[in-house]
Amino acid sequence: MTRHINRKYAANGLFVNPALPSKGETVKVVYTGLLANSGADRLYVRFGFGPAWEGALDYKMVRTENGFAAAVPVAAADSLNLCFHDSAGHWDNNAGSDYSFEVTG
């Protein structure tokens, strides 16, 4: 079975693989958005689950030729929520709406 990249937020420079993650999987997050294009030296992805951002953590992203990347463990079924920040305290949270992806059980 081929897994596809979720391009829901492609216009914002965010891609996740697999397109529909399941609890227990690791999701590859690639970010080429506003902060990456503003000269950030370090980027972090903050992620959590469900509407209350349960288990929220920050992971340092690695600069690659395709943008900044991180592997995020999917610890809960419901939704995976993401936002990004740089070392200078600038945030990309999709204009306050955050970036949310469905997670299957």
PDB file of N, CA and C in Angstrom:
ATOM      1  N   MET A   1       0.838  -1.173   0.000  1.00  0.00           N
ATOM      2  CA  MET A   1       0.000   0.000   0.000  1.00  0.00           C
ATOM      3  C   MET A   1       0.890   1.246   0.000  1.00  0.00           C
ATOM      4  N   THR A   2       0.612   2.160  -0.885  1.00  0.00           N
ATOM      5  CA  THR A   2       1.379   3.400  -0.978  1.00  0.00           C
ATOM      6  C   THR A   2       0.786   4.430  -0.028  1.00  0.00           C
ATOM      7  N   ARG A   3       1.650   5.066   0.743  1.00  0.00           N
ATOM      8  CA  ARG A   3       1.219   6.131   1.638  1.00  0.00           C
ATOM      9  C   ARG A   3       1.456   7.461   0.919  1.00  0.00           C
ATOM     10  N   HIS A   4       0.550   8.374   1.076  1.00  0.00           N
ATOM     11  CA  HIS A   4       0.648   9.654   0.390  1.00  0.00           C
ATOM     12  C   HIS A   4       0.937  10.770   1.383  1.00  0.00           C
ATOM     13  N   ILE A   5       1.451  11.846   0.869  1.00  0.00           N
ATOM     14  CA  ILE A   5       1.743  13.032   1.670  1.00  0.00           C
ATOM     15  C   ILE A   5       0.462  13.855   1.812  1.00  0.00           C
ATOM     16  N   ASN A   6       0.185  14.299   3.018  1.00  0.00           N
ATOM     17  CA  ASN A   6      -0.955  15.170   3.261  1.00  0.00           C
ATOM     18  C   ASN A   6      -0.556  16.586   2.861  1.00  0.00           C
ATOM     19  N   ARG A   7      -1.272  17.154   1.899  1.00  0.00           N
ATOM     20  CA  ARG A   7      -0.969  18.483   1.362  1.00  0.00           C
ATOM     21  C   ARG A   7      -2.028  19.523   1.769  1.00  0.00           C
ATOM     22  N   LYS A   8      -2.758  19.232   2.841  1.00  0.00           N
ATOM     23  CA  LYS A   8      -3.830  20.111   3.299  1.00  0.00           C
ATOM     24  C   LYS A   8      -3.344  21.549   3.500  1.00  0.00           C
ATOM     25  N   TYR A   9      -2.113  21.707   3.971  1.00  0.00           N
ATOM     26  CA  TYR A   9      -1.550  23.027   4.241  1.00  0.00           C
ATOM     27  C   TYR A   9      -0.357  23.330   3.334  1.00  0.00           C
ATOM     28  N   ALA A  10      -0.370  22.804   2.132  1.00  0.00           N
ATOM     29  CA  ALA A  10       0.752  23.005   1.197  1.00  0.00           C
ATOM     30  C   ALA A  10       0.993  24.486   0.926  1.00  0.00           C
ATOM     31  N   ALA A  11      -0.048  25.274   0.853  1.00  0.00           N
ATOM     32  CA  ALA A  11       0.105  26.706   0.595  1.00  0.00           C
ATOM     33  C   ALA A  11       0.864  27.399   1.743  1.00  0.00           C
ATOM     34  N   ASN A  12       0.850  26.794   2.925  1.00  0.00           N
ATOM     35  CA  ASN A  12       1.573  27.330   4.081  1.00  0.00           C
ATOM     36  C   ASN A  12       2.949  26.690   4.227  1.00  0.00           C
ATOM     37  N   GLY A  13       3.305  25.782   3.322  1.00  0.00           N
ATOM     38  CA  GLY A  13       4.611  25.137   3.369  1.00  0.00           C
ATOM     39  C   GLY A  13       4.699  24.005   4.375  1.00  0.00           C
ATOM     40  N   LEU A  14       3.600  23.285   4.605  1.00  0.00           N
ATOM     41  CA  LEU A  14       3.584  22.183   5.560  1.00  0.00           C
ATOM     42  C   LEU A  14       3.111  20.903   4.880  1.00  0.00           C
ATOM     43  N   PHE A  15       3.894  19.846   5.063  1.00  0.00           N
ATOM     44  CA  PHE A  15       3.576  18.541   4.487  1.00  0.00           C
ATOM     45  C   PHE A  15       3.781  17.466   5.549  1.00  0.00           C
ATOM     46  N   VAL A  16       2.846  16.515   5.633  1.00  0.00           N
ATOM     47  CA  VAL A  16       2.980  15.405   6.571  1.00  0.00           C
ATOM     48  C   VAL A  16       2.808  14.081   5.835  1.00  0.00           C
ATOM     49  N   ASN A  17       3.591  13.092   6.285  1.00  0.00           N
ATOM     50  CA  ASN A  17       3.564  11.767   5.684  1.00  0.00           C
ATOM     51  C   ASN A  17       3.627  10.744   6.807  1.00  0.00           C
ATOM     52  N   PRO A  18       2.651   9.846   6.916  1.00  0.00           N
ATOM     53  CA  PRO A  18       1.588   9.537   5.975  1.00  0.00           C
ATOM     54  C   PRO A  18       0.452  10.567   6.009  1.00  0.00           C
ATOM     55  N   ALA A  19      -0.344  10.555   4.944  1.00  0.00           N
ATOM     56  CA  ALA A  19      -1.429  11.517   4.804  1.00  0.00           C
ATOM     57  C   ALA A  19      -2.477  11.361   5.897  1.00  0.00           C
ATOM     58  N   LEU A  20      -2.765  10.135   6.297  1.00  0.00           N
ATOM     59  CA  LEU A  20      -3.717   9.862   7.365  1.00  0.00           C
ATOM     60  C   LEU A  20      -3.018   8.996   8.402  1.00  0.00           C
ATOM     61  N   PRO A  21      -2.387   9.630   9.377  1.00  0.00           N
ATOM     62  CA  PRO A  21      -1.629   8.862  10.372  1.00  0.00           C
ATOM     63  C   PRO A  21      -2.533   8.075  11.310  1.00  0.00           C
ATOM     64  N   SER A  22      -1.974   7.023  11.866  1.00  0.00           N
ATOM     65  CA  SER A  22      -2.654   6.197  12.856  1.00  0.00           C
ATOM     66  C   SER A  22      -1.910   6.287  14.177  1.00  0.00           C
ATOM     67  N   LYS A  23      -2.643   6.076  15.256  1.00  0.00           N
ATOM     68  CA  LYS A  23      -2.038   6.034  16.584  1.00  0.00           C
ATOM     69  C   LYS A  23      -0.933   4.988  16.580  1.00  0.00           C
ATOM     70  N   GLY A  24       0.232   5.345  17.118  1.00  0.00           N
ATOM     71  CA  GLY A  24       1.372   4.439  17.168  1.00  0.00           C
ATOM     72  C   GLY A  24       2.370   4.629  16.043  1.00  0.00           C
ATOM     73  N   GLU A  25       1.975   5.346  14.996  1.00  0.00           N
ATOM     74  CA  GLU A  25       2.887   5.619  13.878  1.00  0.00           C
ATOM     75  C   GLU A  25       3.766   6.829  14.188  1.00  0.00           C
ATOM     76  N   THR A  26       4.787   6.994  13.373  1.00  0.00           N
ATOM     77  CA  THR A  26       5.606   8.197  13.387  1.00  0.00           C
ATOM     78  C   THR A  26       5.309   8.959  12.107  1.00  0.00           C
ATOM     79  N   VAL A  27       5.050  10.237  12.241  1.00  0.00           N
ATOM     80  CA  VAL A  27       4.715  11.095  11.112  1.00  0.00           C
ATOM     81  C   VAL A  27       5.927  11.942  10.765  1.00  0.00           C
ATOM     82  N   LYS A  28       6.269  11.989   9.486  1.00  0.00           N
ATOM     83  CA  LYS A  28       7.334  12.879   9.030  1.00  0.00           C
ATOM     84  C   LYS A  28       6.702  14.233   8.699  1.00  0.00           C
ATOM     85  N   VAL A  29       7.208  15.271   9.357  1.00  0.00           N
ATOM     86  CA  VAL A  29       6.725  16.637   9.156  1.00  0.00           C
ATOM     87  C   VAL A  29       7.813  17.409   8.412  1.00  0.00           C
ATOM     88  N   VAL A  30       7.450  18.035   7.296  1.00  0.00           N
ATOM     89  CA  VAL A  30       8.372  18.886   6.543  1.00  0.00           C
ATOM     90  C   VAL A  30       7.747  20.273   6.455  1.00  0.00           C
ATOM     91  N   TYR A  31       8.532  21.270   6.866  1.00  0.00           N
ATOM     92  CA  TYR A  31       8.051  22.644   6.927  1.00  0.00           C
ATOM     93  C   TYR A  31       8.946  23.554   6.093  1.00  0.00           C
ATOM     94  N   THR A  32       8.325  24.257   5.134  1.00  0.00           N
ATOM     95  CA  THR A  32       9.026  25.227   4.293  1.00  0.00           C
ATOM     96  C   THR A  32       8.309  26.583   4.348  1.00  0.00           C
ATOM     97  N   GLY A  33       7.562  26.796   5.409  1.00  0.00           N
ATOM     98  CA  GLY A  33       6.694  27.956   5.521  1.00  0.00           C
ATOM     99  C   GLY A  33       7.382  29.250   5.896  1.00  0.00           C
ATOM    100  N   LEU A  34       6.586  30.152   6.440  1.00  0.00           N
ATOM    101  CA  LEU A  34       6.989  31.525   6.741  1.00  0.00           C
ATOM    102  C   LEU A  34       8.288  31.612   7.536  1.00  0.00           C
ATOM    103  N   LEU A  35       8.403  30.865   8.613  1.00  0.00           N
ATOM    104  CA  LEU A  35       9.603  30.958   9.445  1.00  0.00           C
ATOM    105  C   LEU A  35      10.834  30.432   8.724  1.00  0.00           C
ATOM    106  N   ALA A  36      10.671  29.351   7.960  1.00  0.00           N
ATOM    107  CA  ALA A  36      11.795  28.793   7.197  1.00  0.00           C
ATOM    108  C   ALA A  36      12.269  29.780   6.139  1.00  0.00           C
ATOM    109  N   ASN A  37      11.335  30.545   5.580  1.00  0.00           N
ATOM    110  CA  ASN A  37      11.673  31.511   4.539  1.00  0.00           C
ATOM    111  C   ASN A  37      12.116  32.856   5.090  1.00  0.00           C
ATOM    112  N   SER A  38      12.072  33.016   6.404  1.00  0.00           N
ATOM    113  CA  SER A  38      12.458  34.277   7.030  1.00  0.00           C
ATOM    114  C   SER A  38      13.861  34.222   7.620  1.00  0.00           C
ATOM    115  N   GLY A  39      14.613  33.177   7.281  1.00  0.00           N
ATOM    116  CA  GLY A  39      15.994  33.082   7.721  1.00  0.00           C
ATOM    117  C   GLY A  39      16.201  32.485   9.100  1.00  0.00           C
ATOM    118  N   ALA A  40      15.238  31.742   9.607  1.00  0.00           N
ATOM    119  CA  ALA A  40      15.387  31.130  10.928  1.00  0.00           C
ATOM    120  C   ALA A  40      16.576  30.169  10.934  1.00  0.00           C
ATOM    121  N   ASP A  41      17.370  30.250  11.991  1.00  0.00           N
ATOM    122  CA  ASP A  41      18.516  29.343  12.100  1.00  0.00           C
ATOM    123  C   ASP A  41      18.106  28.004  12.719  1.00  0.00           C
ATOM    124  N   ARG A  42      17.113  28.031  13.599  1.00  0.00           N
ATOM    125  CA  ARG A  42      16.592  26.816  14.220  1.00  0.00           C
ATOM    126  C   ARG A  42      15.077  26.892  14.246  1.00  0.00           C
ATOM    127  N   LEU A  43      14.446  25.764  13.980  1.00  0.00           N
ATOM    128  CA  LEU A  43      12.990  25.688  14.046  1.00  0.00           C
ATOM    129  C   LEU A  43      12.586  24.521  14.931  1.00  0.00           C
ATOM    130  N   TYR A  44      11.434  24.683  15.569  1.00  0.00           N
ATOM    131  CA  TYR A  44      10.870  23.658  16.438  1.00  0.00           C
ATOM    132  C   TYR A  44       9.419  23.436  16.043  1.00  0.00           C
ATOM    133  N   VAL A  45       8.985  22.198  16.105  1.00  0.00           N
ATOM    134  CA  VAL A  45       7.584  21.881  15.906  1.00  0.00           C
ATOM    135  C   VAL A  45       6.992  21.563  17.277  1.00  0.00           C
ATOM    136  N   ARG A  46       5.906  22.214  17.615  1.00  0.00           N
ATOM    137  CA  ARG A  46       5.155  21.874  18.821  1.00  0.00           C
ATOM    138  C   ARG A  46       3.978  21.038  18.363  1.00  0.00           C
ATOM    139  N   PHE A  47       3.776  19.900  19.018  1.00  0.00           N
ATOM    140  CA  PHE A  47       2.666  19.044  18.648  1.00  0.00           C
ATOM    141  C   PHE A  47       1.940  18.547  19.884  1.00  0.00           C
ATOM    142  N   GLY A  48       0.660  18.291  19.720  1.00  0.00           N
ATOM    143  CA  GLY A  48      -0.186  17.748  20.774  1.00  0.00           C
ATOM    144  C   GLY A  48      -1.389  17.087  20.125  1.00  0.00           C
ATOM    145  N   PHE A  49      -2.239  16.495  20.963  1.00  0.00           N
ATOM    146  CA  PHE A  49      -3.338  15.689  20.438  1.00  0.00           C
ATOM    147  C   PHE A  49      -4.677  16.144  20.991  1.00  0.00           C
ATOM    148  N   GLY A  50      -5.690  16.101  20.124  1.00  0.00           N
ATOM    149  CA  GLY A  50      -7.040  16.478  20.518  1.00  0.00           C
ATOM    150  C   GLY A  50      -7.174  17.975  20.706  1.00  0.00           C
ATOM    151  N   PRO A  51      -8.385  18.429  21.014  1.00  0.00           N
ATOM    152  CA  PRO A  51      -8.643  19.868  21.126  1.00  0.00           C
ATOM    153  C   PRO A  51      -7.885  20.560  22.254  1.00  0.00           C
ATOM    154  N   ALA A  52      -7.436  19.808  23.266  1.00  0.00           N
ATOM    155  CA  ALA A  52      -6.720  20.404  24.391  1.00  0.00           C
ATOM    156  C   ALA A  52      -5.203  20.276  24.247  1.00  0.00           C
ATOM    157  N   TRP A  53      -4.723  19.830  23.080  1.00  0.00           N
ATOM    158  CA  TRP A  53      -3.287  19.679  22.838  1.00  0.00           C
ATOM    159  C   TRP A  53      -2.648  18.770  23.896  1.00  0.00           C
ATOM    160  N   GLU A  54      -3.285  17.662  24.218  1.00  0.00           N
ATOM    161  CA  GLU A  54      -2.773  16.731  25.226  1.00  0.00           C
ATOM    162  C   GLU A  54      -1.367  16.263  24.875  1.00  0.00           C
ATOM    163  N   GLY A  55      -0.521  16.162  25.893  1.00  0.00           N
ATOM    164  CA  GLY A  55       0.845  15.662  25.711  1.00  0.00           C
ATOM    165  C   GLY A  55       1.732  16.561  24.874  1.00  0.00           C
ATOM    166  N   ALA A  56       1.442  17.851  24.828  1.00  0.00           N
ATOM    167  CA  ALA A  56       2.183  18.778  23.958  1.00  0.00           C
ATOM    168  C   ALA A  56       3.687  18.748  24.244  1.00  0.00           C
ATOM    169  N   LEU A  57       4.462  18.659  23.160  1.00  0.00           N
ATOM    170  CA  LEU A  57       5.924  18.651  23.227  1.00  0.00           C
ATOM    171  C   LEU A  57       6.491  19.487  22.090  1.00  0.00           C
ATOM    172  N   ASP A  58       7.718  19.967  22.263  1.00  0.00           N
ATOM    173  CA  ASP A  58       8.457  20.645  21.204  1.00  0.00           C
ATOM    174  C   ASP A  58       9.588  19.729  20.753  1.00  0.00           C
ATOM    175  N   TYR A  59       9.753  19.571  19.444  1.00  0.00           N
ATOM    176  CA  TYR A  59      10.877  18.833  18.868  1.00  0.00           C
ATOM    177  C   TYR A  59      11.678  19.785  18.000  1.00  0.00           C
ATOM    178  N   LYS A  60      12.991  19.733  18.119  1.00  0.00           N
ATOM    179  CA  LYS A  60      13.855  20.509  17.235  1.00  0.00           C
ATOM    180  C   LYS A  60      13.817  19.877  15.853  1.00  0.00           C
ATOM    181  N   MET A  61      13.673  20.717  14.836  1.00  0.00           N
ATOM    182  CA  MET A  61      13.636  20.238  13.458  1.00  0.00           C
ATOM    183  C   MET A  61      15.043  20.288  12.863  1.00  0.00           C
ATOM    184  N   VAL A  62      15.266  19.466  11.865  1.00  0.00           N
ATOM    185  CA  VAL A  62      16.559  19.376  11.189  1.00  0.00           C
ATOM    186  C   VAL A  62      16.417  20.022   9.815  1.00  0.00           C
ATOM    187  N   ARG A  63      17.381  20.885   9.474  1.00  0.00           N
ATOM    188  CA  ARG A  63      17.358  21.507   8.139  1.00  0.00           C
ATOM    189  C   ARG A  63      17.787  20.472   7.106  1.00  0.00           C
ATOM    190  N   THR A  64      16.988  20.298   6.065  1.00  0.00           N
ATOM    191  CA  THR A  64      17.286  19.387   4.964  1.00  0.00           C
ATOM    192  C   THR A  64      17.195  20.167   3.659  1.00  0.00           C
ATOM    193  N   GLU A  65      17.520  19.518   2.577  1.00  0.00           N
ATOM    194  CA  GLU A  65      17.406  20.195   1.274  1.00  0.00           C
ATOM    195  C   GLU A  65      15.950  20.452   0.905  1.00  0.00           C
ATOM    196  N   ASN A  66      15.011  19.775   1.577  1.00  0.00           N
ATOM    197  CA  ASN A  66      13.581  19.957   1.298  1.00  0.00           C
ATOM    198  C   ASN A  66      12.882  20.872   2.294  1.00  0.00           C
ATOM    199  N   GLY A  67      13.624  21.435   3.245  1.00  0.00           N
ATOM    200  CA  GLY A  67      13.033  22.271   4.285  1.00  0.00           C
ATOM    201  C   GLY A  67      13.428  21.751   5.647  1.00  0.00           C
ATOM    202  N   PHE A  68      12.739  22.177   6.681  1.00  0.00           N
ATOM    203  CA  PHE A  68      12.985  21.687   8.025  1.00  0.00           C
ATOM    204  C   PHE A  68      12.121  20.454   8.252  1.00  0.00           C
ATOM    205  N   ALA A  69      12.699  19.415   8.864  1.00  0.00           N
ATOM    206  CA  ALA A  69      11.984  18.152   9.027  1.00  0.00           C
ATOM    207  C   ALA A  69      12.090  17.636  10.453  1.00  0.00           C
ATOM    208  N   ALA A  70      11.081  16.883  10.852  1.00  0.00           N
ATOM    209  CA  ALA A  70      11.077  16.212  12.149  1.00  0.00           C
ATOM    210  C   ALA A  70      10.195  14.974  12.053  1.00  0.00           C
ATOM    211  N   ALA A  71      10.486  13.989  12.884  1.00  0.00           N
ATOM    212  CA  ALA A  71       9.662  12.788  13.000  1.00  0.00           C
ATOM    213  C   ALA A  71       8.882  12.894  14.300  1.00  0.00           C
ATOM    214  N   VAL A  72       7.560  12.891  14.205  1.00  0.00           N
ATOM    215  CA  VAL A  72       6.680  13.110  15.345  1.00  0.00           C
ATOM    216  C   VAL A  72       5.917  11.825  15.657  1.00  0.00           C
ATOM    217  N   PRO A  73       6.012  11.314  16.892  1.00  0.00           N
ATOM    218  CA  PRO A  73       5.258  10.115  17.257  1.00  0.00           C
ATOM    219  C   PRO A  73       3.784  10.450  17.502  1.00  0.00           C
ATOM    220  N   VAL A  74       2.904   9.635  16.948  1.00  0.00           N
ATOM    221  CA  VAL A  74       1.468   9.834  17.118  1.00  0.00           C
ATOM    222  C   VAL A  74       1.026   9.004  18.321  1.00  0.00           C
ATOM    223  N   ALA A  75       0.778   9.676  19.431  1.00  0.00           N
ATOM    224  CA  ALA A  75       0.508   8.996  20.686  1.00  0.00           C
ATOM    225  C   ALA A  75      -0.973   8.814  20.983  1.00  0.00           C
ATOM    226  N   ALA A  76      -1.851   9.472  20.222  1.00  0.00           N
ATOM    227  CA  ALA A  76      -3.277   9.379  20.511  1.00  0.00           C
ATOM    228  C   ALA A  76      -4.086   9.475  19.233  1.00  0.00           C
ATOM    229  N   ALA A  77      -5.214   8.800  19.237  1.00  0.00           N
ATOM    230  CA  ALA A  77      -6.145   8.903  18.110  1.00  0.00           C
ATOM    231  C   ALA A  77      -7.060  10.097  18.353  1.00  0.00           C
ATOM    232  N   ASP A  78      -7.428  10.778  17.349  1.00  0.00           N
ATOM    233  CA  ASP A  78      -8.324  11.923  17.344  1.00  0.00           C
ATOM    234  C   ASP A  78      -7.758  12.915  16.344  1.00  0.00           C
ATOM    235  N   SER A  79      -6.890  13.819  16.826  1.00  0.00           N
ATOM    236  CA  SER A  79      -6.259  14.768  15.909  1.00  0.00           C
ATOM    237  C   SER A  79      -4.840  15.058  16.372  1.00  0.00           C
ATOM    238  N   LEU A  80      -4.001  15.345  15.396  1.00  0.00           N
ATOM    239  CA  LEU A  80      -2.627  15.776  15.631  1.00  0.00           C
ATOM    240  C   LEU A  80      -2.588  17.258  15.317  1.00  0.00           C
ATOM    241  N   ASN A  81      -2.157  18.058  16.283  1.00  0.00           N
ATOM    242  CA  ASN A  81      -2.082  19.504  16.120  1.00  0.00           C
ATOM    243  C   ASN A  81      -0.628  19.936  16.093  1.00  0.00           C
ATOM    244  N   LEU A  82      -0.313  20.848  15.183  1.00  0.00           N
ATOM    245  CA  LEU A  82       1.051  21.333  15.014  1.00  0.00           C
ATOM    246  C   LEU A  82       1.078  22.850  14.962  1.00  0.00           C
ATOM    247  N   CYS A  83       2.187  23.415  15.430  1.00  0.00           N
ATOM    248  CA  CYS A  83       2.549  24.795  15.166  1.00  0.00           C
ATOM    249  C   CYS A  83       4.069  24.854  15.229  1.00  0.00           C
ATOM    250  N   PHE A  84       4.649  25.954  14.826  1.00  0.00           N
ATOM    251  CA  PHE A  84       6.099  26.055  14.678  1.00  0.00           C
ATOM    252  C   PHE A  84       6.610  27.331  15.317  1.00  0.00           C
ATOM    253  N   HIS A  85       7.841  27.268  15.840  1.00  0.00           N
ATOM    254  CA  HIS A  85       8.467  28.482  16.350  1.00  0.00           C
ATOM    255  C   HIS A  85       9.967  28.411  16.104  1.00  0.00           C
ATOM    256  N   ASP A  86      10.576  29.604  16.054  1.00  0.00           N
ATOM    257  CA  ASP A  86      12.021  29.669  15.844  1.00  0.00           C
ATOM    258  C   ASP A  86      12.710  30.044  17.145  1.00  0.00           C
ATOM    259  N   SER A  87      14.019  30.141  17.113  1.00  0.00           N
ATOM    260  CA  SER A  87      14.794  30.431  18.329  1.00  0.00           C
ATOM    261  C   SER A  87      14.641  31.876  18.791  1.00  0.00           C
ATOM    262  N   ALA A  88      14.056  32.742  17.957  1.00  0.00           N
ATOM    263  CA  ALA A  88      13.845  34.142  18.330  1.00  0.00           C
ATOM    264  C   ALA A  88      12.449  34.387  18.896  1.00  0.00           C
ATOM    265  N   GLY A  89      11.653  33.326  19.043  1.00  0.00           N
ATOM    266  CA  GLY A  89      10.322  33.470  19.622  1.00  0.00           C
ATOM    267  C   GLY A  89       9.226  33.829  18.640  1.00  0.00           C
ATOM    268  N   HIS A  90       9.474  33.703  17.340  1.00  0.00           N
ATOM    269  CA  HIS A  90       8.443  33.935  16.331  1.00  0.00           C
ATOM    270  C   HIS A  90       7.679  32.632  16.109  1.00  0.00           C
ATOM    271  N   TRP A  91       6.375  32.751  15.908  1.00  0.00           N
ATOM    272  CA  TRP A  91       5.515  31.575  15.778  1.00  0.00           C
ATOM    273  C   TRP A  91       4.792  31.567  14.436  1.00  0.00           C
ATOM    274  N   ASP A  92       4.530  30.367  13.933  1.00  0.00           N
ATOM    275  CA  ASP A  92       3.607  30.138  12.821  1.00  0.00           C
ATOM    276  C   ASP A  92       2.577  29.148  13.341  1.00  0.00           C
ATOM    277  N   ASN A  93       1.398  29.669  13.648  1.00  0.00           N
ATOM    278  CA  ASN A  93       0.313  28.832  14.134  1.00  0.00           C
ATOM    279  C   ASN A  93      -0.912  28.933  13.224  1.00  0.00           C
ATOM    280  N   ASN A  94      -0.646  29.141  11.928  1.00  0.00           N
ATOM    281  CA  ASN A  94      -1.713  29.219  10.933  1.00  0.00           C
ATOM    282  C   ASN A  94      -2.724  30.312  11.298  1.00  0.00           C
ATOM    283  N   ALA A  95      -2.196  31.485  11.599  1.00  0.00           N
ATOM    284  CA  ALA A  95      -3.025  32.650  11.940  1.00  0.00           C
ATOM    285  C   ALA A  95      -3.972  32.357  13.102  1.00  0.00           C
ATOM    286  N   GLY A  96      -3.473  31.601  14.092  1.00  0.00           N
ATOM    287  CA  GLY A  96      -4.262  31.286  15.280  1.00  0.00           C
ATOM    288  C   GLY A  96      -5.133  30.054  15.169  1.00  0.00           C
ATOM    289  N   SER A  97      -5.193  29.446  13.999  1.00  0.00           N
ATOM    290  CA  SER A  97      -6.031  28.256  13.798  1.00  0.00           C
ATOM    291  C   SER A  97      -5.264  26.953  14.000  1.00  0.00           C
ATOM    292  N   ASP A  98      -3.942  27.041  14.144  1.00  0.00           N
ATOM    293  CA  ASP A  98      -3.066  25.873  14.252  1.00  0.00           C
ATOM    294  C   ASP A  98      -3.209  24.992  13.005  1.00  0.00           C
ATOM    295  N   TYR A  99      -2.386  23.960  12.942  1.00  0.00           N
ATOM    296  CA  TYR A  99      -2.418  22.998  11.850  1.00  0.00           C
ATOM    297  C   TYR A  99      -2.897  21.682  12.452  1.00  0.00           C
ATOM    298  N   SER A 100      -4.032  21.188  11.979  1.00  0.00           N
ATOM    299  CA  SER A 100      -4.638  20.001  12.575  1.00  0.00           C
ATOM    300  C   SER A 100      -4.859  18.917  11.516  1.00  0.00           C
ATOM    301  N   PHE A 101      -4.551  17.679  11.910  1.00  0.00           N
ATOM    302  CA  PHE A 101      -4.688  16.527  11.020  1.00  0.00           C
ATOM    303  C   PHE A 101      -5.456  15.419  11.734  1.00  0.00           C
ATOM    304  N   GLU A 102      -6.337  14.768  11.005  1.00  0.00           N
ATOM    305  CA  GLU A 102      -7.078  13.633  11.554  1.00  0.00           C
ATOM    306  C   GLU A 102      -6.126  12.475  11.831  1.00  0.00           C
ATOM    307  N   VAL A 103      -6.371  11.761  12.922  1.00  0.00           N
ATOM    308  CA  VAL A 103      -5.612  10.576  13.284  1.00  0.00           C
ATOM    309  C   VAL A 103      -6.595   9.424  13.439  1.00  0.00           C
ATOM    310  N   THR A 104      -6.270   8.278  12.875  1.00  0.00           N
ATOM    311  CA  THR A 104      -7.132   7.111  13.011  1.00  0.00           C
ATOM    312  C   THR A 104      -6.663   6.255  14.181  1.00  0.00           C
ATOM    313  N   GLY A 105      -7.556   5.452  14.704  1.00  0.00           N
ATOM    314  CA  GLY A 105      -7.256   4.606  15.854  1.00  0.00           C
ATOM    315  C   GLY A 105      -6.434   3.445  15.489  1.00  0.00           C
TER     316      GLY A 105
END
